[in-house]
C-alpha atoms as a PDB file:
ATOM      1  CA  UNK A   1       0.000   0.000   0.000  1.00  0.00           C
ATOM      2  CA  UNK A   2       1.186   3.554  -0.738  1.00  0.00           C
ATOM      3  CA  UNK A   3       2.214   6.148   1.765  1.00  0.00           C
ATOM      4  CA  UNK A   4      -0.511   7.730   3.864  1.00  0.00           C
ATOM      5  CA  UNK A   5      -1.517  11.227   2.787  1.00  0.00           C
ATOM      6  CA  UNK A   6      -0.015  12.759   5.935  1.00  0.00           C
ATOM      7  CA  UNK A   7       3.416  11.338   5.173  1.00  0.00           C
ATOM      8  CA  UNK A   8       3.215  12.489   1.561  1.00  0.00           C
ATOM      9  CA  UNK A   9       2.290  16.019   2.688  1.00  0.00           C
ATOM     10  CA  UNK A  10       5.079  16.112   5.290  1.00  0.00           C
ATOM     11  CA  UNK A  11       7.670  14.928   2.765  1.00  0.00           C
ATOM     12  CA  UNK A  12       6.527  17.606   0.309  1.00  0.00           C
ATOM     13  CA  UNK A  13       6.687  20.306   2.993  1.00  0.00           C
ATOM     14  CA  UNK A  14      10.159  19.105   4.082  1.00  0.00           C
ATOM     15  CA  UNK A  15      11.389  19.330   0.488  1.00  0.00           C
ATOM     16  CA  UNK A  16       9.971  22.840   0.128  1.00  0.00           C
ATOM     17  CA  UNK A  17      11.545  24.073   3.357  1.00  0.00           C
ATOM     18  CA  UNK A  18      14.934  22.509   2.604  1.00  0.00           C
ATOM     19  CA  UNK A  19      14.877  24.329  -0.748  1.00  0.00           C
ATOM     20  CA  UNK A  20      14.250  27.578   1.114  1.00  0.00           C
ATOM     21  CA  UNK A  21      17.210  26.806   3.407  1.00  0.00           C
ATOM     22  CA  UNK A  22      19.452  26.408   0.349  1.00  0.00           C
ATOM     23  CA  UNK A  23      18.232  29.752  -0.988  1.00  0.00           C
ATOM     24  CA  UNK A  24      18.937  31.416   2.351  1.00  0.00           C
ATOM     25  CA  UNK A  25      22.448  29.944   2.429  1.00  0.00           C
ATOM     26  CA  UNK A  26      23.123  31.414  -1.026  1.00  0.00           C
ATOM     27  CA  UNK A  27      21.797  34.773   0.137  1.00  0.00           C
ATOM     28  CA  UNK A  28      23.990  34.631   3.250  1.00  0.00           C
ATOM     29  CA  UNK A  29      27.078  34.111   1.102  1.00  0.00           C
ATOM     30  CA  UNK A  30      26.132  37.147  -1.016  1.00  0.00           C
ATOM     31  CA  UNK A  31      25.581  39.271   2.085  1.00  0.00           C
ATOM     32  CA  UNK A  32      29.004  38.349   3.461  1.00  0.00           C
ATOM     33  CA  UNK A  33      30.611  39.316   0.148  1.00  0.00           C
ATOM     34  CA  UNK A  34      28.636  42.563   0.126  1.00  0.00           C
ATOM     35  CA  UNK A  35      29.953  43.375   3.611  1.00  0.00           C
ATOM     36  CA  UNK A  36      33.520  42.911   2.370  1.00  0.00           C
ATOM     37  CA  UNK A  37      32.896  45.261  -0.555  1.00  0.00           C
ATOM     38  CA  UNK A  38      31.376  47.864   1.785  1.00  0.00           C
ATOM     39  CA  UNK A  39      34.475  47.649   4.001  1.00  0.00           C
ATOM     40  CA  UNK A  40      36.759  48.068   0.976  1.00  0.00           C
ATOM     41  CA  UNK A  41      34.765  51.127  -0.124  1.00  0.00           C
ATOM     42  CA  UNK A  42      35.280  52.658   3.330  1.00  0.00           C
ATOM     43  CA  UNK A  43      39.015  51.884   3.256  1.00  0.00           C
ATOM     44  CA  UNK A  44      39.367  53.637  -0.097  1.00  0.00           C
ATOM     45  CA  UNK A  45      37.482  56.701   1.147  1.00  0.00           C
ATOM     46  CA  UNK A  46      33.941  56.277  -0.172  1.00  0.00           C
ATOM     47  CA  UNK A  47      32.072  58.843   1.950  1.00  0.00           C
ATOM     48  CA  UNK A  48      28.413  57.993   1.267  1.00  0.00           C
ATOM     49  CA  UNK A  49      26.521  55.167   2.984  1.00  0.00           C
ATOM     50  CA  UNK A  50      26.827  51.973   0.873  1.00  0.00           C
ATOM     51  CA  UNK A  51      23.066  51.377   0.980  1.00  0.00           C
ATOM     52  CA  UNK A  52      22.633  54.573  -1.097  1.00  0.00           C
ATOM     53  CA  UNK A  53      24.128  52.723  -4.083  1.00  0.00           C
ATOM     54  CA  UNK A  54      21.209  51.676  -6.278  1.00  0.00           C
ATOM     55  CA  UNK A  55      21.039  47.929  -6.878  1.00  0.00           C
ATOM     56  CA  UNK A  56      21.657  46.834 -10.442  1.00  0.00           C
ATOM     57  CA  UNK A  57      18.981  44.385 -11.444  1.00  0.00           C
ATOM     58  CA  UNK A  58      19.408  42.291 -14.563  1.00  0.00           C
ATOM     59  CA  UNK A  59      16.550  40.440 -16.181  1.00  0.00           C
ATOM     60  CA  UNK A  60      17.129  36.722 -16.532  1.00  0.00           C
ATOM     61  CA  UNK A  61      15.309  35.097 -19.398  1.00  0.00           C
ATOM     62  CA  UNK A  62      14.378  31.530 -18.677  1.00  0.00           C
ATOM     63  CA  UNK A  63      13.047  30.678 -22.115  1.00  0.00           C
ATOM     64  CA  UNK A  64      13.908  31.516 -25.691  1.00  0.00           C
ATOM     65  CA  UNK A  65      11.296  33.230 -27.824  1.00  0.00           C
ATOM     66  CA  UNK A  66       8.098  31.115 -28.005  1.00  0.00           C
ATOM     67  CA  UNK A  67       9.831  28.231 -26.203  1.00  0.00           C
ATOM     68  CA  UNK A  68       7.419  28.243 -23.263  1.00  0.00           C
ATOM     69  CA  UNK A  69       4.417  28.403 -25.591  1.00  0.00           C
ATOM     70  CA  UNK A  70       5.727  25.350 -27.468  1.00  0.00           C
ATOM     71  CA  UNK A  71       6.311  23.474 -24.196  1.00  0.00           C
ATOM     72  CA  UNK A  72       2.797  24.330 -23.025  1.00  0.00           C
ATOM     73  CA  UNK A  73       1.278  23.077 -26.288  1.00  0.00           C
ATOM     74  CA  UNK A  74       3.067  19.744 -25.781  1.00  0.00           C
ATOM     75  CA  UNK A  75       1.904  19.553 -22.146  1.00  0.00           C
ATOM     76  CA  UNK A  76      -1.464  18.059 -21.254  1.00  0.00           C
ATOM     77  CA  UNK A  77      -2.476  21.281 -19.520  1.00  0.00           C
ATOM     78  CA  UNK A  78      -3.905  19.337 -16.596  1.00  0.00           C
ATOM     79  CA  UNK A  79      -3.311  20.587 -13.062  1.00  0.00           C
ATOM     80  CA  UNK A  80      -2.361  23.831 -11.402  1.00  0.00           C
ATOM     81  CA  UNK A  81       0.108  26.338 -12.811  1.00  0.00           C
ATOM     82  CA  UNK A  82       2.696  25.002 -10.348  1.00  0.00           C
ATOM     83  CA  UNK A  83       2.182  21.407 -11.473  1.00  0.00           C
ATOM     84  CA  UNK A  84       2.535  22.454 -15.104  1.00  0.00           C
ATOM     85  CA  UNK A  85       5.644  24.467 -14.182  1.00  0.00           C
ATOM     86  CA  UNK A  86       7.169  21.400 -12.517  1.00  0.00           C
ATOM     87  CA  UNK A  87       6.592  19.375 -15.706  1.00  0.00           C
ATOM     88  CA  UNK A  88       8.202  22.162 -17.771  1.00  0.00           C
ATOM     89  CA  UNK A  89      11.178  22.207 -15.375  1.00  0.00           C
ATOM     90  CA  UNK A  90      11.503  18.442 -15.723  1.00  0.00           C
ATOM     91  CA  UNK A  91      11.333  18.687 -19.528  1.00  0.00           C
ATOM     92  CA  UNK A  92      14.112  21.297 -19.482  1.00  0.00           C
ATOM     93  CA  UNK A  93      16.231  19.183 -17.120  1.00  0.00           C
ATOM     94  CA  UNK A  94      16.347  21.901 -14.463  1.00  0.00           C
ATOM     95  CA  UNK A  95      16.458  21.486 -10.670  1.00  0.00           C
ATOM     96  CA  UNK A  96      12.899  21.164  -9.369  1.00  0.00           C
ATOM     97  CA  UNK A  97      14.170  21.588  -5.790  1.00  0.00           C
ATOM     98  CA  UNK A  98      15.095  25.225  -6.493  1.00  0.00           C
ATOM     99  CA  UNK A  99      12.067  27.024  -5.043  1.00  0.00           C
ATOM    100  CA  UNK A 100      12.958  30.366  -6.644  1.00  0.00           C
ATOM    101  CA  UNK A 101      13.132  28.713 -10.076  1.00  0.00           C
ATOM    102  CA  UNK A 102       9.819  26.931  -9.495  1.00  0.00           C
ATOM    103  CA  UNK A 103       8.217  30.256  -8.528  1.00  0.00           C
ATOM    104  CA  UNK A 104       9.592  32.014 -11.629  1.00  0.00           C
ATOM    105  CA  UNK A 105       8.485  29.259 -13.999  1.00  0.00           C
ATOM    106  CA  UNK A 106       5.062  29.125 -12.315  1.00  0.00           C
ATOM    107  CA  UNK A 107       4.619  32.868 -12.898  1.00  0.00           C
ATOM    108  CA  UNK A 108       5.781  32.427 -16.506  1.00  0.00           C
ATOM    109  CA  UNK A 109       3.258  29.625 -17.039  1.00  0.00           C
ATOM    110  CA  UNK A 110       0.508  31.763 -15.519  1.00  0.00           C
ATOM    111  CA  UNK A 111       1.381  34.689 -17.791  1.00  0.00           C
ATOM    112  CA  UNK A 112       1.638  32.528 -20.901  1.00  0.00           C
ATOM    113  CA  UNK A 113      -1.744  30.940 -20.251  1.00  0.00           C
ATOM    114  CA  UNK A 114      -3.303  34.361 -19.656  1.00  0.00           C
ATOM    115  CA  UNK A 115      -1.771  35.702 -22.879  1.00  0.00           C
ATOM    116  CA  UNK A 116      -2.994  32.668 -24.830  1.00  0.00           C
ATOM    117  CA  UNK A 117      -6.558  33.048 -23.494  1.00  0.00           C
ATOM    118  CA  UNK A 118      -6.657  36.720 -24.539  1.00  0.00           C
ATOM    119  CA  UNK A 119      -5.139  36.255 -27.982  1.00  0.00           C
ATOM    120  CA  UNK A 120      -6.634  32.941 -29.048  1.00  0.00           C
ATOM    121  CA  UNK A 121     -10.167  34.229 -28.412  1.00  0.00           C
ATOM    122  CA  UNK A 122      -9.523  37.323 -30.579  1.00  0.00           C
ATOM    123  CA  UNK A 123      -8.007  35.344 -33.457  1.00  0.00           C
ATOM    124  CA  UNK A 124     -11.007  33.102 -34.095  1.00  0.00           C
END
């Protein structure tokens, strides 16, 4: 007999939380490096507070043009946006344990489905 539902839910929650721990460890490493850079700025005479420096944000494209749309057409379309995103991640060979990646792909799936609903209904 399969695992009871409670065990399945606890295993899923454990996997989610351990993914968040990995993300936090990556963030901690970045913060330590940022502290070193702030100290170096002070040593070299930078007078302003380091937090006044505007963050540089770069957009990361997960998919090539129309790639997600093609993947969604191949997918059965059954399930929640997150479930579809997990299948897309698996198809791409990416790490499904990376919670930030799962969140980004889920949002991309949601947006692509919304776009398709708007544009397919106007094309017919």
